[in-house]
Amino acid sequence: MATCEVCGNDYWMAFEVRTVSGDVHTFDSFECAIHRLAPICEHCQIKIVGHGVEVNGRFFCCGHCARAVEGDVGAEIRDAVGARPA
């Protein structure tokens, strides 16, 4: 069994997450993994669980937040959610 690094639960179905930097983390749930690893939106401070938006090396949960912070570059950002192809 392995122990979750967030909550300390010793769980037989714990899993490891390996990051691109080579770090290895052990969690007992996706909730704990999100708590530890998900980036935080630089505008509204929410955990970014979905695709998010990156502008100038900064992470945002959506185009609205990117536009609110990043000025002219952010103004070019559009969310794909709800967009329908013509």
N, C-alpha and C. Protein backbone atom coordinates (compact mmCIF):
# COMPACT_ATOMS: atom_id res chain seq x y z
N MET A 1 0.84 -1.18 0.00
CA MET A 1 0.00 0.00 0.00
C MET A 1 0.88 1.24 0.00
N ALA A 2 0.29 2.34 -0.42
CA ALA A 2 1.04 3.59 -0.48
C ALA A 2 0.25 4.69 0.23
N THR A 3 0.96 5.66 0.73
CA THR A 3 0.35 6.75 1.49
C THR A 3 0.22 8.00 0.63
N CYS A 4 -0.97 8.59 0.63
CA CYS A 4 -1.23 9.83 -0.11
C CYS A 4 -0.44 10.97 0.52
N GLU A 5 0.27 11.73 -0.30
CA GLU A 5 1.09 12.82 0.22
C GLU A 5 0.27 14.03 0.65
N VAL A 6 -1.01 14.07 0.30
CA VAL A 6 -1.85 15.20 0.70
C VAL A 6 -2.61 14.89 1.99
N CYS A 7 -3.34 13.78 1.99
CA CYS A 7 -4.22 13.50 3.14
C CYS A 7 -3.66 12.45 4.10
N GLY A 8 -2.61 11.75 3.68
CA GLY A 8 -2.01 10.75 4.55
C GLY A 8 -2.70 9.41 4.57
N ASN A 9 -3.74 9.23 3.75
CA ASN A 9 -4.46 7.97 3.70
C ASN A 9 -3.57 6.87 3.12
N ASP A 10 -3.52 5.74 3.80
CA ASP A 10 -2.77 4.58 3.34
C ASP A 10 -3.76 3.70 2.58
N TYR A 11 -3.63 3.66 1.27
CA TYR A 11 -4.69 3.09 0.42
C TYR A 11 -4.11 2.12 -0.58
N TRP A 12 -4.72 0.97 -0.74
CA TRP A 12 -4.20 -0.05 -1.65
C TRP A 12 -4.34 0.34 -3.12
N MET A 13 -5.21 1.30 -3.45
CA MET A 13 -5.36 1.74 -4.84
C MET A 13 -4.72 3.10 -5.09
N ALA A 14 -3.79 3.50 -4.24
CA ALA A 14 -3.07 4.77 -4.46
C ALA A 14 -2.34 4.69 -5.80
N PHE A 15 -2.07 5.85 -6.38
CA PHE A 15 -1.41 5.89 -7.69
C PHE A 15 -0.32 6.95 -7.68
N GLU A 16 0.59 6.83 -8.63
CA GLU A 16 1.68 7.81 -8.77
C GLU A 16 1.42 8.69 -9.97
N VAL A 17 1.84 9.94 -9.84
CA VAL A 17 1.84 10.90 -10.95
C VAL A 17 3.27 11.35 -11.12
N ARG A 18 3.77 11.23 -12.35
CA ARG A 18 5.12 11.67 -12.67
C ARG A 18 5.01 12.93 -13.52
N THR A 19 5.65 13.99 -13.08
CA THR A 19 5.58 15.26 -13.80
C THR A 19 6.67 15.35 -14.85
N VAL A 20 6.57 16.33 -15.73
CA VAL A 20 7.58 16.50 -16.78
C VAL A 20 8.94 16.85 -16.20
N SER A 21 8.96 17.39 -15.00
CA SER A 21 10.25 17.73 -14.36
C SER A 21 10.88 16.51 -13.67
N GLY A 22 10.17 15.37 -13.68
CA GLY A 22 10.70 14.16 -13.10
C GLY A 22 10.26 13.90 -11.67
N ASP A 23 9.48 14.81 -11.08
CA ASP A 23 8.98 14.59 -9.73
C ASP A 23 7.95 13.46 -9.73
N VAL A 24 7.91 12.71 -8.66
CA VAL A 24 6.94 11.62 -8.51
C VAL A 24 6.09 11.91 -7.28
N HIS A 25 4.77 11.87 -7.44
CA HIS A 25 3.83 12.14 -6.36
C HIS A 25 2.91 10.94 -6.19
N THR A 26 2.50 10.67 -4.96
CA THR A 26 1.58 9.58 -4.66
C THR A 26 0.30 10.14 -4.07
N PHE A 27 -0.84 9.69 -4.64
CA PHE A 27 -2.16 10.18 -4.21
C PHE A 27 -3.12 9.01 -4.06
N ASP A 28 -4.14 9.20 -3.24
CA ASP A 28 -5.18 8.19 -3.11
C ASP A 28 -6.43 8.56 -3.90
N SER A 29 -6.48 9.78 -4.47
CA SER A 29 -7.65 10.22 -5.23
C SER A 29 -7.25 11.34 -6.18
N PHE A 30 -8.08 11.53 -7.20
CA PHE A 30 -7.85 12.65 -8.11
C PHE A 30 -8.02 13.97 -7.38
N GLU A 31 -8.90 14.00 -6.40
CA GLU A 31 -9.11 15.21 -5.62
C GLU A 31 -7.81 15.68 -4.96
N CYS A 32 -7.08 14.74 -4.35
CA CYS A 32 -5.81 15.11 -3.72
C CYS A 32 -4.77 15.51 -4.76
N ALA A 33 -4.76 14.82 -5.92
CA ALA A 33 -3.82 15.16 -6.99
C ALA A 33 -4.09 16.58 -7.50
N ILE A 34 -5.34 16.92 -7.69
CA ILE A 34 -5.71 18.26 -8.15
C ILE A 34 -5.29 19.29 -7.10
N HIS A 35 -5.57 18.99 -5.85
CA HIS A 35 -5.22 19.92 -4.76
C HIS A 35 -3.73 20.25 -4.80
N ARG A 36 -2.88 19.25 -5.03
CA ARG A 36 -1.44 19.45 -4.99
C ARG A 36 -0.87 19.97 -6.31
N LEU A 37 -1.38 19.51 -7.46
CA LEU A 37 -0.70 19.75 -8.72
C LEU A 37 -1.36 20.74 -9.67
N ALA A 38 -2.64 20.97 -9.55
CA ALA A 38 -3.32 21.84 -10.52
C ALA A 38 -2.82 23.28 -10.41
N PRO A 39 -2.57 23.91 -11.56
CA PRO A 39 -2.18 25.32 -11.52
C PRO A 39 -3.36 26.18 -11.06
N ILE A 40 -3.07 27.39 -10.63
CA ILE A 40 -4.10 28.31 -10.14
C ILE A 40 -4.22 29.47 -11.12
N CYS A 41 -5.47 29.81 -11.47
CA CYS A 41 -5.73 30.93 -12.38
C CYS A 41 -5.17 32.21 -11.77
N GLU A 42 -4.40 32.95 -12.57
CA GLU A 42 -3.78 34.17 -12.06
C GLU A 42 -4.76 35.34 -11.94
N HIS A 43 -6.00 35.14 -12.39
CA HIS A 43 -6.99 36.20 -12.24
C HIS A 43 -7.98 35.90 -11.11
N CYS A 44 -8.65 34.74 -11.20
CA CYS A 44 -9.71 34.45 -10.22
C CYS A 44 -9.27 33.48 -9.13
N GLN A 45 -8.06 32.95 -9.23
CA GLN A 45 -7.47 32.09 -8.20
C GLN A 45 -8.11 30.70 -8.08
N ILE A 46 -8.88 30.27 -9.07
CA ILE A 46 -9.47 28.94 -9.03
C ILE A 46 -8.46 27.91 -9.52
N LYS A 47 -8.56 26.67 -9.05
CA LYS A 47 -7.71 25.59 -9.55
C LYS A 47 -8.12 25.29 -10.99
N ILE A 48 -7.15 25.17 -11.87
CA ILE A 48 -7.43 24.90 -13.29
C ILE A 48 -7.41 23.39 -13.49
N VAL A 49 -8.59 22.82 -13.65
CA VAL A 49 -8.72 21.38 -13.80
C VAL A 49 -8.86 21.01 -15.27
N GLY A 50 -9.42 21.89 -16.08
CA GLY A 50 -9.60 21.64 -17.51
C GLY A 50 -8.39 22.10 -18.31
N HIS A 51 -8.63 22.41 -19.56
CA HIS A 51 -7.54 22.79 -20.47
C HIS A 51 -6.88 24.10 -20.11
N GLY A 52 -7.65 25.08 -19.62
CA GLY A 52 -7.07 26.37 -19.27
C GLY A 52 -6.51 27.11 -20.47
N VAL A 53 -5.89 28.24 -20.20
CA VAL A 53 -5.30 29.09 -21.24
C VAL A 53 -3.96 29.58 -20.71
N GLU A 54 -2.94 29.53 -21.56
CA GLU A 54 -1.63 30.05 -21.17
C GLU A 54 -1.31 31.26 -22.06
N VAL A 55 -0.97 32.36 -21.42
CA VAL A 55 -0.59 33.58 -22.14
C VAL A 55 0.67 34.11 -21.50
N ASN A 56 1.70 34.28 -22.29
CA ASN A 56 2.98 34.81 -21.80
C ASN A 56 3.50 34.06 -20.58
N GLY A 57 3.32 32.72 -20.57
CA GLY A 57 3.81 31.92 -19.47
C GLY A 57 2.97 31.97 -18.22
N ARG A 58 1.81 32.60 -18.28
CA ARG A 58 0.90 32.69 -17.14
C ARG A 58 -0.34 31.86 -17.45
N PHE A 59 -0.89 31.22 -16.42
CA PHE A 59 -2.02 30.32 -16.61
C PHE A 59 -3.33 30.95 -16.13
N PHE A 60 -4.38 30.73 -16.93
CA PHE A 60 -5.70 31.23 -16.62
C PHE A 60 -6.71 30.11 -16.85
N CYS A 61 -7.83 30.16 -16.14
CA CYS A 61 -8.83 29.10 -16.29
C CYS A 61 -9.64 29.25 -17.58
N CYS A 62 -9.69 30.46 -18.14
CA CYS A 62 -10.51 30.69 -19.34
C CYS A 62 -10.04 31.96 -20.06
N GLY A 63 -10.58 32.16 -21.25
CA GLY A 63 -10.24 33.34 -22.03
C GLY A 63 -10.65 34.63 -21.35
N HIS A 64 -11.77 34.63 -20.64
CA HIS A 64 -12.24 35.83 -19.94
C HIS A 64 -11.18 36.31 -18.95
N CYS A 65 -10.63 35.39 -18.15
CA CYS A 65 -9.61 35.78 -17.18
C CYS A 65 -8.32 36.23 -17.86
N ALA A 66 -7.96 35.57 -18.95
CA ALA A 66 -6.76 35.97 -19.70
C ALA A 66 -6.93 37.37 -20.26
N ARG A 67 -8.11 37.66 -20.80
CA ARG A 67 -8.36 39.00 -21.37
C ARG A 67 -8.35 40.07 -20.27
N ALA A 68 -8.83 39.71 -19.08
CA ALA A 68 -8.89 40.67 -17.98
C ALA A 68 -7.51 41.08 -17.50
N VAL A 69 -6.52 40.22 -17.64
CA VAL A 69 -5.20 40.47 -17.09
C VAL A 69 -4.16 40.82 -18.16
N GLU A 70 -4.23 40.20 -19.30
CA GLU A 70 -3.15 40.28 -20.29
C GLU A 70 -3.30 41.35 -21.37
N GLY A 71 -4.22 42.26 -21.23
CA GLY A 71 -4.32 43.38 -22.16
C GLY A 71 -4.45 42.97 -23.62
N ASP A 72 -3.60 43.55 -24.49
CA ASP A 72 -3.71 43.32 -25.94
C ASP A 72 -3.52 41.85 -26.32
N VAL A 73 -2.55 41.18 -25.72
CA VAL A 73 -2.33 39.77 -26.04
C VAL A 73 -3.51 38.94 -25.55
N GLY A 74 -3.99 39.23 -24.36
CA GLY A 74 -5.14 38.52 -23.82
C GLY A 74 -6.40 38.74 -24.64
N ALA A 75 -6.50 39.91 -25.26
CA ALA A 75 -7.67 40.21 -26.08
C ALA A 75 -7.81 39.27 -27.26
N GLU A 76 -6.72 38.65 -27.67
CA GLU A 76 -6.75 37.72 -28.80
C GLU A 76 -7.21 36.32 -28.39
N ILE A 77 -7.28 36.04 -27.11
CA ILE A 77 -7.61 34.71 -26.62
C ILE A 77 -9.12 34.49 -26.70
N ARG A 78 -9.50 33.34 -27.23
CA ARG A 78 -10.91 32.96 -27.32
C ARG A 78 -11.07 31.56 -26.76
N ASP A 79 -12.15 31.33 -26.03
CA ASP A 79 -12.47 30.00 -25.54
C ASP A 79 -13.14 29.22 -26.65
N ALA A 80 -12.88 27.92 -26.69
CA ALA A 80 -13.54 27.06 -27.67
C ALA A 80 -14.86 26.50 -27.12
N VAL A 81 -15.06 26.58 -25.83
CA VAL A 81 -16.25 26.05 -25.21
C VAL A 81 -17.48 26.75 -25.77
N GLY A 82 -18.42 25.98 -26.26
CA GLY A 82 -19.65 26.55 -26.80
C GLY A 82 -19.54 27.01 -28.22
N ALA A 83 -18.34 27.06 -28.77
CA ALA A 83 -18.17 27.47 -30.17
C ALA A 83 -18.61 26.34 -31.08
N ARG A 84 -19.33 26.68 -32.11
CA ARG A 84 -19.78 25.67 -33.06
C ARG A 84 -19.19 25.95 -34.42
N PRO A 85 -18.68 24.91 -35.07
CA PRO A 85 -18.11 25.12 -36.40
C PRO A 85 -19.21 25.57 -37.38
N ALA A 86 -18.80 26.40 -38.32
CA ALA A 86 -19.76 26.91 -39.30
C ALA A 86 -20.11 25.86 -40.33
